[in-house]
Every structure is written in structure tokens, then in C-alpha cells.
Amino acid sequence: ELRICTGYTVDGKPAGLVPTGADAVAKCVPVYETLPGWSESTVGARTMDALPKAARAYLDRVEALAGVPIAMVSTGPDRDETILRHHPFH
């Protein structure tokens, strides 16, 4: 399973933003959304279709939560082990 932090509560109430100050931040409790994980390797995948279905669903959810498209996905340590969905500067 993978967990994505989708927000915080402070003193049991939803927090629109992380509060300022160390004492206030210490009271923040993360709110998580849990997604299925995967056991298949993603190393060397060069297209979204080559990724496991759960990995694609995870990336789709991150995009939806962030409100911006994911431009690149690294699938391994080498430069050519990258999925370029669209050019990030165009």
C-alpha cells in the first residue's frame, strides 16, 4: 500500500494550511489516502502503459490532488529510464 498525505488536522479540525510555528506544527496530524501498491518492477519502463496498473493509478491520483500534470516519471537510475509525458517547459 501507498499512502498520500492529503491534508492535516489541528486539534481535530481540518487545517487549510499548515500552521506557522513549531508548537502549532507539532499539533498537526496528517490525513492519508491509501492506494494499492504493486510488486512488479518499474525499472526501465519508458511508457505509461509499461507501468503496472496500480502505479499508473497512483500517478493519476497525485496529478489530481496536485492539480497539475506530471511531466516526467523516473523509472530507474539511468537517464534513458524516464517517461517523458510532455515537455515540462512548453
PDB file of N, CA and C in Angstrom:
ATOM      1  N   GLU A   1       0.834  -1.191   0.000  1.00  0.00           N
ATOM      2  CA  GLU A   1       0.000   0.000   0.000  1.00  0.00           C
ATOM      3  C   GLU A   1       0.871   1.245   0.000  1.00  0.00           C
ATOM      4  N   LEU A   2       0.349   2.298  -0.603  1.00  0.00           N
ATOM      5  CA  LEU A   2       0.986   3.613  -0.589  1.00  0.00           C
ATOM      6  C   LEU A   2       0.022   4.596   0.054  1.00  0.00           C
ATOM      7  N   ARG A   3       0.566   5.439   0.879  1.00  0.00           N
ATOM      8  CA  ARG A   3      -0.269   6.469   1.497  1.00  0.00           C
ATOM      9  C   ARG A   3       0.166   7.830   0.984  1.00  0.00           C
ATOM     10  N   ILE A   4      -0.837   8.649   0.663  1.00  0.00           N
ATOM     11  CA  ILE A   4      -0.603  10.015   0.216  1.00  0.00           C
ATOM     12  C   ILE A   4      -1.214  10.936   1.266  1.00  0.00           C
ATOM     13  N   CYS A   5      -0.427  11.869   1.753  1.00  0.00           N
ATOM     14  CA  CYS A   5      -0.958  12.848   2.701  1.00  0.00           C
ATOM     15  C   CYS A   5      -1.780  13.860   1.910  1.00  0.00           C
ATOM     16  N   THR A   6      -3.064  13.951   2.244  1.00  0.00           N
ATOM     17  CA  THR A   6      -3.968  14.842   1.509  1.00  0.00           C
ATOM     18  C   THR A   6      -4.348  16.081   2.306  1.00  0.00           C
ATOM     19  N   GLY A   7      -3.877  16.161   3.538  1.00  0.00           N
ATOM     20  CA  GLY A   7      -4.185  17.322   4.362  1.00  0.00           C
ATOM     21  C   GLY A   7      -3.758  17.073   5.793  1.00  0.00           C
ATOM     22  N   TYR A   8      -4.188  17.978   6.661  1.00  0.00           N
ATOM     23  CA  TYR A   8      -3.844  17.886   8.077  1.00  0.00           C
ATOM     24  C   TYR A   8      -5.038  18.297   8.915  1.00  0.00           C
ATOM     25  N   THR A   9      -5.065  17.794  10.132  1.00  0.00           N
ATOM     26  CA  THR A   9      -5.997  18.307  11.127  1.00  0.00           C
ATOM     27  C   THR A   9      -5.162  18.881  12.267  1.00  0.00           C
ATOM     28  N   VAL A  10      -5.697  19.905  12.899  1.00  0.00           N
ATOM     29  CA  VAL A  10      -5.075  20.506  14.075  1.00  0.00           C
ATOM     30  C   VAL A  10      -6.154  20.577  15.146  1.00  0.00           C
ATOM     31  N   ASP A  11      -5.892  19.953  16.258  1.00  0.00           N
ATOM     32  CA  ASP A  11      -6.882  19.882  17.338  1.00  0.00           C
ATOM     33  C   ASP A  11      -8.205  19.308  16.833  1.00  0.00           C
ATOM     34  N   GLY A  12      -8.121  18.323  15.952  1.00  0.00           N
ATOM     35  CA  GLY A  12      -9.301  17.637  15.434  1.00  0.00           C
ATOM     36  C   GLY A  12     -10.055  18.362  14.343  1.00  0.00           C
ATOM     37  N   LYS A  13      -9.572  19.533  13.920  1.00  0.00           N
ATOM     38  CA  LYS A  13     -10.255  20.304  12.882  1.00  0.00           C
ATOM     39  C   LYS A  13      -9.392  20.339  11.622  1.00  0.00           C
ATOM     40  N   PRO A  14     -10.021  20.254  10.441  1.00  0.00           N
ATOM     41  CA  PRO A  14      -9.237  20.328   9.206  1.00  0.00           C
ATOM     42  C   PRO A  14      -8.454  21.635   9.120  1.00  0.00           C
ATOM     43  N   ALA A  15      -7.227  21.550   8.682  1.00  0.00           N
ATOM     44  CA  ALA A  15      -6.383  22.737   8.509  1.00  0.00           C
ATOM     45  C   ALA A  15      -6.223  22.994   7.025  1.00  0.00           C
ATOM     46  N   GLY A  16      -6.611  24.164   6.585  1.00  0.00           N
ATOM     47  CA  GLY A  16      -6.453  24.518   5.178  1.00  0.00           C
ATOM     48  C   GLY A  16      -4.995  24.645   4.793  1.00  0.00           C
ATOM     49  N   LEU A  17      -4.215  25.148   5.705  1.00  0.00           N
ATOM     50  CA  LEU A  17      -2.773  25.303   5.502  1.00  0.00           C
ATOM     51  C   LEU A  17      -2.052  24.801   6.742  1.00  0.00           C
ATOM     52  N   VAL A  18      -0.807  24.398   6.569  1.00  0.00           N
ATOM     53  CA  VAL A  18      -0.003  24.023   7.719  1.00  0.00           C
ATOM     54  C   VAL A  18       0.246  25.293   8.523  1.00  0.00           C
ATOM     55  N   PRO A  19      -0.036  25.261   9.815  1.00  0.00           N
ATOM     56  CA  PRO A  19       0.143  26.480  10.617  1.00  0.00           C
ATOM     57  C   PRO A  19       1.616  26.849  10.770  1.00  0.00           C
ATOM     58  N   THR A  20       1.855  28.074  11.153  1.00  0.00           N
ATOM     59  CA  THR A  20       3.219  28.528  11.379  1.00  0.00           C
ATOM     60  C   THR A  20       3.591  28.324  12.835  1.00  0.00           C
ATOM     61  N   GLY A  21       4.860  28.154  13.067  1.00  0.00           N
ATOM     62  CA  GLY A  21       5.356  27.979  14.421  1.00  0.00           C
ATOM     63  C   GLY A  21       5.510  26.515  14.778  1.00  0.00           C
ATOM     64  N   ALA A  22       6.600  26.201  15.439  1.00  0.00           N
ATOM     65  CA  ALA A  22       6.924  24.812  15.765  1.00  0.00           C
ATOM     66  C   ALA A  22       5.866  24.164  16.656  1.00  0.00           C
ATOM     67  N   ASP A  23       5.342  24.890  17.619  1.00  0.00           N
ATOM     68  CA  ASP A  23       4.333  24.316  18.524  1.00  0.00           C
ATOM     69  C   ASP A  23       3.057  23.959  17.775  1.00  0.00           C
ATOM     70  N   ALA A  24       2.625  24.832  16.870  1.00  0.00           N
ATOM     71  CA  ALA A  24       1.413  24.565  16.092  1.00  0.00           C
ATOM     72  C   ALA A  24       1.625  23.420  15.113  1.00  0.00           C
ATOM     73  N   VAL A  25       2.786  23.386  14.490  1.00  0.00           N
ATOM     74  CA  VAL A  25       3.083  22.302  13.539  1.00  0.00           C
ATOM     75  C   VAL A  25       3.131  20.965  14.272  1.00  0.00           C
ATOM     76  N   ALA A  26       3.617  20.963  15.494  1.00  0.00           N
ATOM     77  CA  ALA A  26       3.687  19.724  16.282  1.00  0.00           C
ATOM     78  C   ALA A  26       2.297  19.148  16.548  1.00  0.00           C
ATOM     79  N   LYS A  27       1.257  19.975  16.487  1.00  0.00           N
ATOM     80  CA  LYS A  27      -0.112  19.518  16.709  1.00  0.00           C
ATOM     81  C   LYS A  27      -0.766  18.976  15.431  1.00  0.00           C
ATOM     82  N   CYS A  28      -0.113  19.155  14.286  1.00  0.00           N
ATOM     83  CA  CYS A  28      -0.678  18.697  13.013  1.00  0.00           C
ATOM     84  C   CYS A  28      -0.707  17.171  12.958  1.00  0.00           C
ATOM     85  N   VAL A  29      -1.833  16.658  12.527  1.00  0.00           N
ATOM     86  CA  VAL A  29      -1.984  15.217  12.318  1.00  0.00           C
ATOM     87  C   VAL A  29      -2.264  15.024  10.827  1.00  0.00           C
ATOM     88  N   PRO A  30      -1.423  14.260  10.117  1.00  0.00           N
ATOM     89  CA  PRO A  30      -1.656  14.068   8.693  1.00  0.00           C
ATOM     90  C   PRO A  30      -2.905  13.240   8.418  1.00  0.00           C
ATOM     91  N   VAL A  31      -3.581  13.580   7.328  1.00  0.00           N
ATOM     92  CA  VAL A  31      -4.725  12.816   6.835  1.00  0.00           C
ATOM     93  C   VAL A  31      -4.239  12.087   5.588  1.00  0.00           C
ATOM     94  N   TYR A  32      -4.369  10.774   5.588  1.00  0.00           N
ATOM     95  CA  TYR A  32      -3.838   9.970   4.488  1.00  0.00           C
ATOM     96  C   TYR A  32      -4.942   9.344   3.656  1.00  0.00           C
ATOM     97  N   GLU A  33      -4.639   9.203   2.380  1.00  0.00           N
ATOM     98  CA  GLU A  33      -5.447   8.412   1.460  1.00  0.00           C
ATOM     99  C   GLU A  33      -4.575   7.209   1.099  1.00  0.00           C
ATOM    100  N   THR A  34      -5.126   6.012   1.202  1.00  0.00           N
ATOM    101  CA  THR A  34      -4.358   4.801   0.935  1.00  0.00           C
ATOM    102  C   THR A  34      -4.722   4.233  -0.433  1.00  0.00           C
ATOM    103  N   LEU A  35      -3.683   3.952  -1.217  1.00  0.00           N
ATOM    104  CA  LEU A  35      -3.859   3.367  -2.547  1.00  0.00           C
ATOM    105  C   LEU A  35      -3.144   2.018  -2.585  1.00  0.00           C
ATOM    106  N   PRO A  36      -3.581   1.131  -3.468  1.00  0.00           N
ATOM    107  CA  PRO A  36      -2.885  -0.156  -3.579  1.00  0.00           C
ATOM    108  C   PRO A  36      -1.462   0.038  -4.104  1.00  0.00           C
ATOM    109  N   GLY A  37      -0.566  -0.767  -3.632  1.00  0.00           N
ATOM    110  CA  GLY A  37       0.806  -0.752  -4.136  1.00  0.00           C
ATOM    111  C   GLY A  37       0.958  -1.780  -5.245  1.00  0.00           C
ATOM    112  N   TRP A  38       2.199  -2.053  -5.622  1.00  0.00           N
ATOM    113  CA  TRP A  38       2.480  -3.044  -6.653  1.00  0.00           C
ATOM    114  C   TRP A  38       3.828  -3.688  -6.343  1.00  0.00           C
ATOM    115  N   SER A  39       4.010  -4.887  -6.852  1.00  0.00           N
ATOM    116  CA  SER A  39       5.275  -5.596  -6.610  1.00  0.00           C
ATOM    117  C   SER A  39       6.093  -5.733  -7.888  1.00  0.00           C
ATOM    118  N   GLU A  40       5.503  -5.422  -9.021  1.00  0.00           N
ATOM    119  CA  GLU A  40       6.226  -5.513 -10.286  1.00  0.00           C
ATOM    120  C   GLU A  40       7.266  -4.395 -10.370  1.00  0.00           C
ATOM    121  N   SER A  41       8.387  -4.685 -11.008  1.00  0.00           N
ATOM    122  CA  SER A  41       9.434  -3.679 -11.173  1.00  0.00           C
ATOM    123  C   SER A  41       9.002  -2.635 -12.201  1.00  0.00           C
ATOM    124  N   THR A  42       9.386  -1.398 -11.946  1.00  0.00           N
ATOM    125  CA  THR A  42       9.146  -0.319 -12.906  1.00  0.00           C
ATOM    126  C   THR A  42      10.446   0.107 -13.578  1.00  0.00           C
ATOM    127  N   VAL A  43      11.555  -0.501 -13.198  1.00  0.00           N
ATOM    128  CA  VAL A  43      12.863  -0.120 -13.736  1.00  0.00           C
ATOM    129  C   VAL A  43      12.880  -0.305 -15.250  1.00  0.00           C
ATOM    130  N   GLY A  44      13.254   0.750 -15.933  1.00  0.00           N
ATOM    131  CA  GLY A  44      13.393   0.697 -17.380  1.00  0.00           C
ATOM    132  C   GLY A  44      12.125   0.960 -18.160  1.00  0.00           C
ATOM    133  N   ALA A  45      10.977   1.105 -17.490  1.00  0.00           N
ATOM    134  CA  ALA A  45       9.744   1.399 -18.220  1.00  0.00           C
ATOM    135  C   ALA A  45       9.899   2.745 -18.916  1.00  0.00           C
ATOM    136  N   ARG A  46       9.473   2.815 -20.169  1.00  0.00           N
ATOM    137  CA  ARG A  46       9.631   4.046 -20.937  1.00  0.00           C
ATOM    138  C   ARG A  46       8.312   4.632 -21.421  1.00  0.00           C
ATOM    139  N   THR A  47       7.218   3.957 -21.078  1.00  0.00           N
ATOM    140  CA  THR A  47       5.886   4.473 -21.394  1.00  0.00           C
ATOM    141  C   THR A  47       4.983   4.237 -20.195  1.00  0.00           C
ATOM    142  N   MET A  48       3.931   5.014 -20.110  1.00  0.00           N
ATOM    143  CA  MET A  48       2.981   4.833 -19.020  1.00  0.00           C
ATOM    144  C   MET A  48       2.327   3.457 -19.093  1.00  0.00           C
ATOM    145  N   ASP A  49       2.077   2.977 -20.308  1.00  0.00           N
ATOM    146  CA  ASP A  49       1.452   1.659 -20.466  1.00  0.00           C
ATOM    147  C   ASP A  49       2.344   0.532 -19.967  1.00  0.00           C
ATOM    148  N   ALA A  50       3.660   0.769 -19.890  1.00  0.00           N
ATOM    149  CA  ALA A  50       4.581  -0.254 -19.402  1.00  0.00           C
ATOM    150  C   ALA A  50       4.592  -0.340 -17.869  1.00  0.00           C
ATOM    151  N   LEU A  51       4.002   0.641 -17.208  1.00  0.00           N
ATOM    152  CA  LEU A  51       3.944   0.629 -15.746  1.00  0.00           C
ATOM    153  C   LEU A  51       2.814  -0.276 -15.267  1.00  0.00           C
ATOM    154  N   PRO A  52       2.948  -0.837 -14.080  1.00  0.00           N
ATOM    155  CA  PRO A  52       1.834  -1.599 -13.503  1.00  0.00           C
ATOM    156  C   PRO A  52       0.602  -0.706 -13.358  1.00  0.00           C
ATOM    157  N   LYS A  53      -0.576  -1.317 -13.458  1.00  0.00           N
ATOM    158  CA  LYS A  53      -1.834  -0.567 -13.377  1.00  0.00           C
ATOM    159  C   LYS A  53      -1.912   0.262 -12.094  1.00  0.00           C
ATOM    160  N   ALA A  54      -1.487  -0.309 -10.969  1.00  0.00           N
ATOM    161  CA  ALA A  54      -1.554   0.420  -9.700  1.00  0.00           C
ATOM    162  C   ALA A  54      -0.601   1.616  -9.698  1.00  0.00           C
ATOM    163  N   ALA A  55       0.533   1.507 -10.373  1.00  0.00           N
ATOM    164  CA  ALA A  55       1.477   2.637 -10.458  1.00  0.00           C
ATOM    165  C   ALA A  55       0.860   3.769 -11.268  1.00  0.00           C
ATOM    166  N   ARG A  56       0.191   3.420 -12.355  1.00  0.00           N
ATOM    167  CA  ARG A  56      -0.477   4.448 -13.171  1.00  0.00           C
ATOM    168  C   ARG A  56      -1.595   5.111 -12.368  1.00  0.00           C
ATOM    169  N   ALA A  57      -2.343   4.333 -11.606  1.00  0.00           N
ATOM    170  CA  ALA A  57      -3.427   4.893 -10.786  1.00  0.00           C
ATOM    171  C   ALA A  57      -2.857   5.827  -9.722  1.00  0.00           C
ATOM    172  N   TYR A  58      -1.723   5.460  -9.142  1.00  0.00           N
ATOM    173  CA  TYR A  58      -1.067   6.309  -8.147  1.00  0.00           C
ATOM    174  C   TYR A  58      -0.667   7.648  -8.768  1.00  0.00           C
ATOM    175  N   LEU A  59      -0.030   7.607  -9.933  1.00  0.00           N
ATOM    176  CA  LEU A  59       0.388   8.841 -10.603  1.00  0.00           C
ATOM    177  C   LEU A  59      -0.814   9.690 -10.998  1.00  0.00           C
ATOM    178  N   ASP A  60      -1.883   9.060 -11.458  1.00  0.00           N
ATOM    179  CA  ASP A  60      -3.108   9.796 -11.797  1.00  0.00           C
ATOM    180  C   ASP A  60      -3.674  10.500 -10.563  1.00  0.00           C
ATOM    181  N   ARG A  61      -3.622   9.826  -9.414  1.00  0.00           N
ATOM    182  CA  ARG A  61      -4.165  10.424  -8.191  1.00  0.00           C
ATOM    183  C   ARG A  61      -3.295  11.581  -7.718  1.00  0.00           C
ATOM    184  N   VAL A  62      -1.969  11.438  -7.815  1.00  0.00           N
ATOM    185  CA  VAL A  62      -1.070  12.532  -7.449  1.00  0.00           C
ATOM    186  C   VAL A  62      -1.359  13.746  -8.332  1.00  0.00           C
ATOM    187  N   GLU A  63      -1.526  13.521  -9.626  1.00  0.00           N
ATOM    188  CA  GLU A  63      -1.871  14.622 -10.536  1.00  0.00           C
ATOM    189  C   GLU A  63      -3.168  15.301 -10.111  1.00  0.00           C
ATOM    190  N   ALA A  64      -4.180  14.507  -9.802  1.00  0.00           N
ATOM    191  CA  ALA A  64      -5.478  15.067  -9.433  1.00  0.00           C
ATOM    192  C   ALA A  64      -5.368  15.881  -8.141  1.00  0.00           C
ATOM    193  N   LEU A  65      -4.652  15.373  -7.173  1.00  0.00           N
ATOM    194  CA  LEU A  65      -4.504  16.092  -5.907  1.00  0.00           C
ATOM    195  C   LEU A  65      -3.687  17.370  -6.066  1.00  0.00           C
ATOM    196  N   ALA A  66      -2.642  17.306  -6.884  1.00  0.00           N
ATOM    197  CA  ALA A  66      -1.771  18.471  -7.078  1.00  0.00           C
ATOM    198  C   ALA A  66      -2.401  19.499  -8.014  1.00  0.00           C
ATOM    199  N   GLY A  67      -3.282  19.047  -8.893  1.00  0.00           N
ATOM    200  CA  GLY A  67      -3.923  19.957  -9.831  1.00  0.00           C
ATOM    201  C   GLY A  67      -3.029  20.368 -10.986  1.00  0.00           C
ATOM    202  N   VAL A  68      -1.956  19.630 -11.189  1.00  0.00           N
ATOM    203  CA  VAL A  68      -1.047  19.885 -12.307  1.00  0.00           C
ATOM    204  C   VAL A  68      -0.630  18.555 -12.914  1.00  0.00           C
ATOM    205  N   PRO A  69      -0.326  18.542 -14.205  1.00  0.00           N
ATOM    206  CA  PRO A  69       0.093  17.290 -14.825  1.00  0.00           C
ATOM    207  C   PRO A  69       1.528  16.908 -14.444  1.00  0.00           C
ATOM    208  N   ILE A  70       1.768  15.632 -14.377  1.00  0.00           N
ATOM    209  CA  ILE A  70       3.127  15.120 -14.166  1.00  0.00           C
ATOM    210  C   ILE A  70       3.809  15.094 -15.522  1.00  0.00           C
ATOM    211  N   ALA A  71       4.959  15.743 -15.623  1.00  0.00           N
ATOM    212  CA  ALA A  71       5.673  15.823 -16.892  1.00  0.00           C
ATOM    213  C   ALA A  71       6.613  14.643 -17.091  1.00  0.00           C
ATOM    214  N   MET A  72       7.298  14.218 -16.031  1.00  0.00           N
ATOM    215  CA  MET A  72       8.288  13.153 -16.137  1.00  0.00           C
ATOM    216  C   MET A  72       8.144  12.173 -14.987  1.00  0.00           C
ATOM    217  N   VAL A  73       8.447  10.914 -15.297  1.00  0.00           N
ATOM    218  CA  VAL A  73       8.462   9.869 -14.286  1.00  0.00           C
ATOM    219  C   VAL A  73       9.768   9.111 -14.444  1.00  0.00           C
ATOM    220  N   SER A  74      10.572   9.091 -13.394  1.00  0.00           N
ATOM    221  CA  SER A  74      11.820   8.345 -13.422  1.00  0.00           C
ATOM    222  C   SER A  74      11.529   6.898 -13.051  1.00  0.00           C
ATOM    223  N   THR A  75      12.045   5.967 -13.831  1.00  0.00           N
ATOM    224  CA  THR A  75      11.800   4.542 -13.574  1.00  0.00           C
ATOM    225  C   THR A  75      13.091   3.787 -13.284  1.00  0.00           C
ATOM    226  N   GLY A  76      14.185   4.484 -13.201  1.00  0.00           N
ATOM    227  CA  GLY A  76      15.470   3.850 -12.905  1.00  0.00           C
ATOM    228  C   GLY A  76      16.562   4.898 -12.816  1.00  0.00           C
ATOM    229  N   PRO A  77      17.786   4.464 -12.513  1.00  0.00           N
ATOM    230  CA  PRO A  77      18.878   5.413 -12.303  1.00  0.00           C
ATOM    231  C   PRO A  77      19.462   6.023 -13.577  1.00  0.00           C
ATOM    232  N   ASP A  78      19.257   5.391 -14.710  1.00  0.00           N
ATOM    233  CA  ASP A  78      19.841   5.901 -15.952  1.00  0.00           C
ATOM    234  C   ASP A  78      18.947   6.965 -16.580  1.00  0.00           C
ATOM    235  N   ARG A  79      19.595   7.893 -17.302  1.00  0.00           N
ATOM    236  CA  ARG A  79      18.844   8.981 -17.941  1.00  0.00           C
ATOM    237  C   ARG A  79      17.742   8.491 -18.866  1.00  0.00           C
ATOM    238  N   ASP A  80      18.012   7.409 -19.575  1.00  0.00           N
ATOM    239  CA  ASP A  80      17.014   6.941 -20.532  1.00  0.00           C
ATOM    240  C   ASP A  80      15.903   6.119 -19.868  1.00  0.00           C
ATOM    241  N   GLU A  81      15.958   5.966 -18.559  1.00  0.00           N
ATOM    242  CA  GLU A  81      14.902   5.270 -17.837  1.00  0.00           C
ATOM    243  C   GLU A  81      13.922   6.308 -17.266  1.00  0.00           C
ATOM    244  N   THR A  82      13.381   7.078 -18.187  1.00  0.00           N
ATOM    245  CA  THR A  82      12.477   8.170 -17.836  1.00  0.00           C
ATOM    246  C   THR A  82      11.313   8.181 -18.809  1.00  0.00           C
ATOM    247  N   ILE A  83      10.137   8.351 -18.275  1.00  0.00           N
ATOM    248  CA  ILE A  83       8.946   8.521 -19.108  1.00  0.00           C
ATOM    249  C   ILE A  83       8.710  10.023 -19.220  1.00  0.00           C
ATOM    250  N   LEU A  84       8.775  10.545 -20.420  1.00  0.00           N
ATOM    251  CA  LEU A  84       8.504  11.957 -20.667  1.00  0.00           C
ATOM    252  C   LEU A  84       7.085  12.049 -21.212  1.00  0.00           C
ATOM    253  N   ARG A  85       6.174  12.502 -20.373  1.00  0.00           N
ATOM    254  CA  ARG A  85       4.768  12.599 -20.764  1.00  0.00           C
ATOM    255  C   ARG A  85       4.520  13.825 -21.633  1.00  0.00           C
ATOM    256  N   HIS A  86       5.171  14.910 -21.300  1.00  0.00           N
ATOM    257  CA  HIS A  86       5.152  16.124 -22.112  1.00  0.00           C
ATOM    258  C   HIS A  86       6.327  16.965 -21.658  1.00  0.00           C
ATOM    259  N   HIS A  87       6.783  17.845 -22.513  1.00  0.00           N
ATOM    260  CA  HIS A  87       7.932  18.653 -22.165  1.00  0.00           C
ATOM    261  C   HIS A  87       7.556  19.596 -21.024  1.00  0.00           C
ATOM    262  N   PRO A  88       8.335  19.592 -19.930  1.00  0.00           N
ATOM    263  CA  PRO A  88       7.941  20.375 -18.754  1.00  0.00           C
ATOM    264  C   PRO A  88       8.040  21.886 -18.937  1.00  0.00           C
ATOM    265  N   PHE A  89       8.713  22.343 -19.977  1.00  0.00           N
ATOM    266  CA  PHE A  89       8.900  23.793 -20.148  1.00  0.00           C
ATOM    267  C   PHE A  89       8.164  24.353 -21.352  1.00  0.00           C
ATOM    268  N   HIS A  90       7.235  23.591 -21.887  1.00  0.00           N
ATOM    269  CA  HIS A  90       6.428  24.075 -23.012  1.00  0.00           C
ATOM    270  C   HIS A  90       4.989  24.198 -22.626  1.00  0.00           C
TER     271      HIS A  90
END
